[in-house]
Protein backbone atom coordinates (compact mmCIF):
# COMPACT_ATOMS: atom_id res chain seq x y z
CA MET A 1 100.04 100.23 116.67
CA LYS A 2 103.58 100.88 118.14
CA LYS A 3 105.74 97.76 117.94
CA LYS A 4 109.49 96.80 117.53
CA GLN A 5 110.81 97.12 114.01
CA PRO A 6 112.29 94.58 112.67
CA SER A 7 116.56 95.08 112.63
CA SER A 8 116.08 93.97 108.45
CA LEU A 9 114.31 93.22 105.91
CA ASP A 10 116.01 89.03 106.30
CA SER A 11 113.85 89.10 109.67
CA LYS A 12 111.15 86.27 108.99
CA CYS A 13 107.80 87.48 107.44
CA THR A 14 105.11 87.17 110.29
CA ASP A 15 102.03 85.22 108.85
CA TYR A 16 98.70 86.38 110.06
CA SER A 17 96.74 84.57 107.40
CA ASP A 18 98.23 80.77 108.98
CA THR A 19 99.92 79.44 105.74
CA SER A 20 103.12 77.87 105.30
CA SER A 21 103.71 79.11 101.70
CA VAL A 22 105.08 82.52 102.23
CA LYS A 23 107.73 83.63 100.72
CA GLU A 24 110.24 85.83 102.64
CA SER A 25 111.63 88.39 100.98
CA SER A 26 115.12 89.43 101.49
CA MET A 27 117.97 92.21 100.68
CA ALA A 28 119.81 89.52 98.38
CA GLN A 29 117.04 89.18 96.22
CA GLN A 30 116.25 91.21 93.13
CA HIS A 31 114.12 94.29 93.88
CA SER A 32 110.73 94.79 92.40
CA GLN A 33 108.99 97.62 90.67
CA GLY A 34 106.24 98.65 93.27
CA VAL A 35 107.63 96.16 95.91
CA THR A 36 109.15 98.47 98.47
CA GLY A 37 108.87 98.71 102.07
CA LEU A 38 107.62 102.01 104.05
CA ARG A 39 109.33 103.21 106.97
CA ASN A 40 107.03 103.52 110.19
CA LEU A 41 107.60 107.05 111.64
CA GLY A 42 105.85 106.40 114.82
CA ASN A 43 102.43 104.99 115.20
CA THR A 44 101.96 105.11 111.56
CA CYS A 45 101.55 101.64 110.31
CA TYR A 46 97.71 103.21 109.16
CA MET A 47 99.50 105.70 106.46
CA ASN A 48 102.32 102.78 105.26
CA ALA A 49 99.07 100.35 104.26
CA ILE A 50 97.15 103.33 102.72
CA LEU A 51 99.89 104.12 100.27
CA GLN A 52 100.79 100.74 99.15
CA CYS A 53 97.28 100.41 98.58
CA LEU A 54 97.46 103.44 96.48
CA CYS A 55 100.70 102.63 95.06
CA SER A 56 98.78 99.19 93.45
CA ILE A 57 96.37 101.65 91.58
CA THR A 58 98.71 101.76 88.44
CA PRO A 59 96.35 104.46 86.65
CA LEU A 60 97.11 106.68 89.51
CA VAL A 61 101.02 106.15 90.00
CA GLU A 62 101.16 106.45 85.96
CA TYR A 63 99.87 109.88 86.31
CA PHE A 64 101.94 110.76 88.40
CA LEU A 65 104.98 109.18 87.54
CA SER A 66 104.24 110.67 83.88
CA GLY A 67 104.52 114.35 85.46
CA LYS A 68 101.08 114.56 84.10
CA TYR A 69 100.13 115.92 88.10
CA ILE A 70 102.27 119.14 87.24
CA THR A 71 100.52 121.00 84.52
CA ALA A 72 97.51 119.76 86.58
CA LEU A 73 98.38 121.58 89.60
CA GLN A 74 96.59 124.72 91.95
CA LYS A 75 98.87 127.18 92.55
CA ASP A 76 99.92 127.26 96.51
CA SER A 77 97.73 123.93 96.93
CA GLY A 78 100.83 121.57 95.18
CA GLU A 79 102.97 120.47 98.17
CA ALA A 80 101.59 117.28 99.75
CA ALA A 81 100.74 115.65 95.76
CA THR A 82 104.57 117.03 94.71
CA ALA A 83 105.09 114.77 97.81
CA PHE A 84 103.44 112.02 96.86
CA ALA A 85 104.65 111.92 93.15
CA TYR A 86 108.10 111.47 94.28
CA LEU A 87 107.20 108.83 96.97
CA MET A 88 105.27 107.27 94.05
CA THR A 89 108.80 107.32 91.99
CA ASP A 90 110.51 106.35 94.74
CA MET A 91 108.41 103.22 95.70
CA TRP A 92 108.01 102.32 91.67
CA LEU A 93 111.21 103.35 90.00
CA GLY A 94 114.21 103.41 93.02
CA ASP A 95 116.54 100.42 94.17
CA SER A 96 115.90 100.29 97.83
CA ASP A 97 114.13 97.76 99.66
CA CYS A 98 112.68 100.47 102.32
CA VAL A 99 112.04 104.15 102.34
CA SER A 100 110.60 106.69 103.82
CA PRO A 101 107.40 109.06 103.93
CA GLU A 102 108.54 111.59 106.28
CA VAL A 103 108.33 114.40 103.13
CA PHE A 104 104.99 113.08 102.33
CA ARG A 105 103.63 113.16 106.06
CA SER A 106 104.99 116.47 106.72
CA ALA A 107 103.69 118.25 103.97
CA ILE A 108 100.05 116.35 104.47
CA GLY A 109 100.50 117.03 107.98
CA LYS A 110 100.36 120.64 107.45
CA ILE A 111 96.69 120.14 105.61
CA TYR A 112 95.60 117.95 109.04
CA PRO A 113 98.16 118.03 111.76
CA THR A 114 96.61 115.45 113.37
CA PHE A 115 98.75 112.81 111.24
CA LEU A 116 101.26 114.68 112.75
CA LYS A 117 101.04 112.88 115.89
CA ARG A 118 102.25 109.79 117.28
CA THR A 119 98.77 108.41 118.33
CA GLN A 120 96.79 106.08 116.50
CA GLN A 121 95.03 107.19 113.62
CA ASP A 122 92.12 105.57 111.49
CA ALA A 123 93.33 104.16 107.88
CA GLN A 124 90.10 104.96 106.56
CA GLU A 125 90.04 108.38 107.53
CA PHE A 126 93.32 108.93 106.49
CA LEU A 127 92.50 108.04 103.32
CA ILE A 128 89.49 110.03 102.47
CA TYR A 129 92.25 113.26 103.67
CA VAL A 130 94.32 112.13 101.30
CA LEU A 131 91.97 111.46 98.55
CA ASN A 132 90.51 114.87 99.23
CA GLU A 133 93.97 116.73 99.12
CA LEU A 134 94.56 115.13 96.07
CA HIS A 135 91.88 116.11 94.27
CA GLU A 136 92.04 119.93 95.59
CA ALA A 137 95.44 120.32 94.67
CA LEU A 138 94.96 118.47 90.72
CA LYS A 139 91.61 119.72 90.34
CA LYS A 140 90.26 121.17 86.83
CA PHE A 141 87.01 123.22 86.39
CA HIS A 142 84.85 122.70 83.94
CA ARG A 143 81.37 123.55 82.77
CA LYS A 144 78.66 121.75 80.71
CA LYS A 145 74.51 121.25 80.94
CA THR A 146 73.75 117.50 80.43
CA GLN A 147 70.30 115.01 80.83
CA GLU A 148 70.61 111.90 82.12
CA LYS A 149 69.35 110.35 79.15
CA GLY A 150 66.26 107.82 80.04
CA LEU A 151 65.29 110.20 83.18
CA THR A 152 61.87 111.14 83.48
CA THR A 153 61.65 114.72 84.34
CA LYS A 154 60.97 114.04 88.50
CA CYS A 155 64.74 113.25 88.29
CA TYR A 156 65.73 115.76 85.61
CA ARG A 157 69.45 116.76 86.40
CA LYS A 158 71.44 120.24 85.29
CA VAL A 159 74.87 120.03 86.25
CA ALA A 160 76.24 123.64 85.85
CA SER A 161 79.59 122.91 87.01
CA SER A 162 82.09 120.03 88.07
CA GLU A 163 85.45 119.63 88.89
CA PHE A 164 87.50 116.84 87.49
CA SER A 165 90.82 115.40 88.55
CA ILE A 166 92.76 111.90 88.21
CA ILE A 167 91.11 111.15 92.03
CA THR A 168 87.11 111.78 90.40
CA ARG A 169 88.39 109.87 87.51
CA LEU A 170 89.43 106.85 89.27
CA PHE A 171 87.65 106.35 92.20
CA GLU A 172 84.15 108.94 92.59
CA GLY A 173 81.03 107.21 91.91
CA GLN A 174 77.46 108.23 92.36
CA LEU A 175 74.97 106.67 94.43
CA ASN A 176 70.65 107.49 93.24
CA TYR A 177 68.58 107.47 96.02
CA ASP A 178 64.25 107.17 95.72
CA ILE A 179 62.60 108.27 98.56
CA VAL A 180 58.62 107.55 98.51
CA CYS A 181 56.50 109.04 100.84
CA LEU A 182 54.54 106.13 102.72
CA LYS A 183 51.26 108.47 102.83
CA CYS A 184 51.19 109.83 99.29
CA GLU A 185 53.48 107.98 97.97
CA ASN A 186 54.99 110.83 96.15
CA CYS A 187 58.64 109.95 94.95
CA THR A 188 61.50 112.46 95.24
CA TYR A 189 65.47 111.43 93.83
CA LYS A 190 68.45 112.41 95.65
CA ASN A 191 72.04 112.08 94.19
CA GLU A 192 74.96 111.92 96.36
CA VAL A 193 78.60 110.97 94.92
CA PHE A 194 81.69 109.15 96.95
CA THR A 195 84.42 107.73 96.63
CA VAL A 196 84.50 105.15 99.63
CA LEU A 197 81.53 103.04 100.56
CA SER A 198 81.01 102.09 103.69
CA LEU A 199 79.06 98.90 104.77
CA PRO A 200 77.83 97.92 107.54
CA ILE A 201 78.58 94.19 108.54
CA PRO A 202 75.05 91.78 109.32
CA SER A 203 76.61 89.09 111.10
CA GLU A 204 79.16 88.78 114.08
CA CYS A 205 80.38 85.65 112.89
CA GLU A 206 80.94 84.99 109.35
CA CYS A 207 79.02 86.66 106.14
CA SER A 208 79.69 87.43 102.50
CA LEU A 209 80.83 91.14 100.56
CA GLN A 210 77.75 90.60 98.80
CA GLU A 211 76.05 90.14 102.28
CA CYS A 212 77.33 93.59 103.11
CA LEU A 213 76.75 95.18 99.77
CA GLY A 214 72.96 93.70 100.30
CA CYS A 215 72.82 95.37 103.03
CA PHE A 216 73.93 98.60 102.37
CA PHE A 217 71.42 98.48 99.74
CA GLN A 218 68.05 97.55 101.21
CA GLN A 219 65.24 99.72 100.97
CA ASP A 220 65.05 101.92 104.80
CA THR A 221 62.29 103.04 106.09
CA LEU A 222 62.40 106.77 107.33
CA THR A 223 60.22 107.21 110.57
CA TRP A 224 60.68 109.47 113.60
CA ASN A 225 63.64 112.02 114.08
CA ASN A 226 64.35 110.59 110.37
CA GLN A 227 61.18 111.72 108.20
CA ILE A 228 61.29 113.95 105.56
CA HIS A 229 59.78 116.77 104.48
CA CYS A 230 56.96 115.35 101.88
CA ALA A 231 56.59 118.48 99.20
CA PHE A 232 53.11 117.41 98.20
CA CYS A 233 51.79 116.28 101.74
CA GLU A 234 53.82 119.68 103.08
CA SER A 235 54.17 118.01 106.63
CA LYS A 236 57.29 115.89 107.26
CA GLN A 237 56.28 112.04 106.84
CA ASP A 238 57.42 108.35 106.98
CA ALA A 239 59.64 107.03 103.87
CA ALA A 240 60.81 104.87 102.18
CA VAL A 241 64.83 104.57 100.86
CA ARG A 242 66.19 102.86 98.49
CA ALA A 243 70.12 103.45 97.03
CA SER A 244 71.54 102.53 94.23
CA ILE A 245 74.71 103.32 92.10
CA ALA A 246 73.85 105.82 89.09
CA LYS A 247 78.01 105.39 88.74
CA ALA A 248 80.38 102.92 89.06
CA PRO A 249 83.94 104.16 90.05
CA LYS A 250 86.26 102.55 87.78
CA THR A 251 88.06 101.86 91.57
CA VAL A 252 85.96 100.61 94.43
CA ILE A 253 86.83 101.23 97.63
CA PHE A 254 85.09 99.23 100.51
CA HIS A 255 85.06 100.61 104.10
CA LEU A 256 84.09 97.14 106.13
CA LYS A 257 82.48 98.82 109.51
CA ARG A 258 84.08 97.13 112.43
CA PHE A 259 84.26 99.92 115.20
CA ASP A 260 80.69 99.89 116.43
CA CYS A 261 78.87 101.79 119.05
CA GLN A 262 76.34 100.77 120.64
CA CYS A 263 74.69 102.50 124.16
CA ARG A 264 78.40 103.96 124.06
CA VAL A 265 79.94 100.82 124.50
CA LYS A 266 82.74 101.04 121.30
CA ARG A 267 83.74 97.70 120.31
CA LYS A 268 85.40 95.57 116.86
CA LEU A 269 83.42 93.45 115.11
CA ARG A 270 85.62 90.57 114.27
CA THR A 271 83.32 88.86 111.39
CA ASP A 272 85.04 87.24 109.06
CA ILE A 273 83.99 88.30 105.86
CA HIS A 274 84.30 86.29 102.25
CA TYR A 275 85.40 88.43 99.59
CA PRO A 276 86.06 87.13 96.03
CA LEU A 277 89.61 88.34 94.37
CA ASN A 278 87.85 88.12 90.77
CA ASN A 279 84.11 88.72 89.16
CA LEU A 280 82.72 91.03 91.79
CA ASP A 281 79.45 91.71 90.17
CA LEU A 282 77.39 95.15 91.42
CA SER A 283 75.07 95.13 88.71
CA PRO A 284 72.78 93.75 91.38
CA TYR A 285 72.79 97.55 92.84
CA ILE A 286 73.47 99.34 89.58
CA TYR A 287 70.38 101.91 88.31
CA PRO A 288 68.97 100.14 85.88
CA LEU A 289 68.78 102.56 82.82
CA PHE A 290 73.12 103.04 83.99
CA ARG A 291 73.62 98.98 84.15
CA LYS A 292 76.78 97.54 82.26
CA HIS A 293 77.35 95.11 84.35
CA PRO A 294 81.02 96.12 85.61
CA LYS A 295 83.11 92.98 86.89
CA TYR A 296 86.04 94.21 89.44
CA SER A 297 89.04 92.79 91.14
CA LEU A 298 90.41 92.78 93.82
CA CYS A 299 93.71 94.84 94.10
CA GLY A 300 94.13 95.79 97.45
CA VAL A 301 93.24 95.18 100.82
CA VAL A 302 94.40 97.21 104.24
CA ASN A 303 93.89 94.81 107.56
CA HIS A 304 93.22 95.79 111.31
CA PHE A 305 94.63 93.93 114.16
CA GLY A 306 94.19 94.49 117.82
CA ASP A 307 91.35 96.32 118.83
CA LEU A 308 89.90 100.05 119.42
CA ASP A 309 92.59 101.05 121.85
CA GLY A 310 95.45 99.95 120.13
CA GLY A 311 96.34 97.95 116.90
CA HIS A 312 98.41 97.83 113.84
CA TYR A 313 97.60 97.67 110.08
CA THR A 314 98.77 95.65 106.88
CA ALA A 315 98.98 95.59 103.38
CA PHE A 316 98.03 93.10 100.59
CA CYS A 317 98.53 94.29 96.99
CA LYS A 318 98.95 92.92 93.92
CA ASN A 319 101.92 93.51 92.45
CA THR A 320 101.52 94.93 88.13
CA VAL A 321 104.35 94.23 86.81
CA SER A 322 104.60 89.91 88.83
CA GLN A 323 100.85 89.82 88.84
CA THR A 324 101.83 88.05 92.56
CA TRP A 325 100.15 89.09 95.56
CA TYR A 326 102.40 91.23 98.45
CA SER A 327 101.87 91.24 101.87
CA PHE A 328 102.97 94.84 103.25
CA ASP A 329 103.45 95.49 106.91
CA ASP A 330 105.71 98.74 107.01
CA THR A 331 109.36 97.56 106.26
CA ARG A 332 108.80 93.96 106.03
CA VAL A 333 107.73 92.62 102.26
CA CYS A 334 106.92 89.05 101.58
CA GLU A 335 105.11 87.63 98.82
CA ILE A 336 102.03 85.49 99.83
CA PRO A 337 99.91 83.12 97.30
CA ASP A 338 96.04 84.33 96.86
CA SER A 339 95.16 82.01 99.49
CA ALA A 340 96.47 84.31 101.86
CA VAL A 341 94.75 87.08 100.58
CA GLN A 342 91.56 85.93 102.23
CA THR A 343 92.11 86.95 105.96
CA ALA A 344 89.01 87.83 108.71
CA ALA A 345 90.96 91.13 109.53
CA ALA A 346 90.20 93.07 106.61
CA TYR A 347 88.94 96.34 106.65
CA LEU A 348 88.73 98.05 103.45
CA LEU A 349 88.64 96.07 100.12
CA PHE A 350 90.14 98.07 97.07
CA TYR A 351 88.41 96.71 93.82
CA SER A 352 89.76 97.39 89.88
CA CYS A 353 86.82 96.94 86.72
CA GLN A 354 89.52 97.46 84.16
CA PRO A 355 93.07 95.31 84.43
CA PHE A 356 95.97 97.51 84.98
CA SER A 357 98.78 97.70 83.11
CA ILE A 358 102.25 98.45 84.17
CA PRO A 359 103.51 102.09 84.58
CA THR A 360 105.67 103.14 81.98
CA PRO A 361 106.91 106.38 83.40
CA LYS A 362 107.63 109.66 80.31
CA CYS A 363 109.75 111.35 83.25
CA LYS A 364 111.01 110.89 86.38
CA CYS A 365 109.21 113.52 88.89
């Protein structure tokens, strides 16, 4: 990931999509809200790419710019969330073409020291840690007792307590697993929350995002060491399991599992995965009782170039103000056409099911 940095934003922006229509961003051009480069602090391109994508999710940005996060902060756990708020403010309301994420990195590094090292880290893992830390700092505790409408007694869920935050409101979804014993055909249910869906890649050459989703949600058979303990058979049995989405998040994040390990040999899958910019339909994978046919639009992409031992992360993000796409490569920022957003280097995809409005801060954090 370590690479020589450009001396200024006037440097030519590398076009990873082989298109000649990329517009160069220069210091002479008017600085746009939410279009700010981030300095590389030493192999921190993975962090910069994630921060740019989070910066493109304007309901999250507006929450921090408005100061709402202040009243939600938990005691002794708000340093990283506060640093995140200041960074979002600099990226949206500042007048610089480039800012440093040093304060945020330092705050998150106190909790997860791995991210203070000047070594390559995985962007997906960093994203999960950041979302978890923001949730822990901003969570509220609610007590409730509910029954999901239309579910049978077997699938009755009693929720005694739950933790809510801006993170759960925007990113948290829920999977439902139907598990059928192949001996007695008894059906049981299991629920699991998620913020990132890690999708298998069914082809080494070329496939679509829908094919990846189909592979994830197809019925699977649990045998041998993966057998379940059937309460009716009172023993371990083979089982069929199928996942579906019980609750679709407002912003769904897909992790494309490009890093594969077979027989102790690690490799990177360079499959060209075709994904839509608009009208992504998740209804085929949503549990029938909860199906609302949401349609999603792409708002951010994290790209990974290179191999397992070394590489570089960049981000493509759609700006709410200009409604155009930008490429973020640390300090280098370029406007790109829609056609350039499709790339074989995509590693993380951020989709929203609602249009974003322009963040309107009530006060500076």
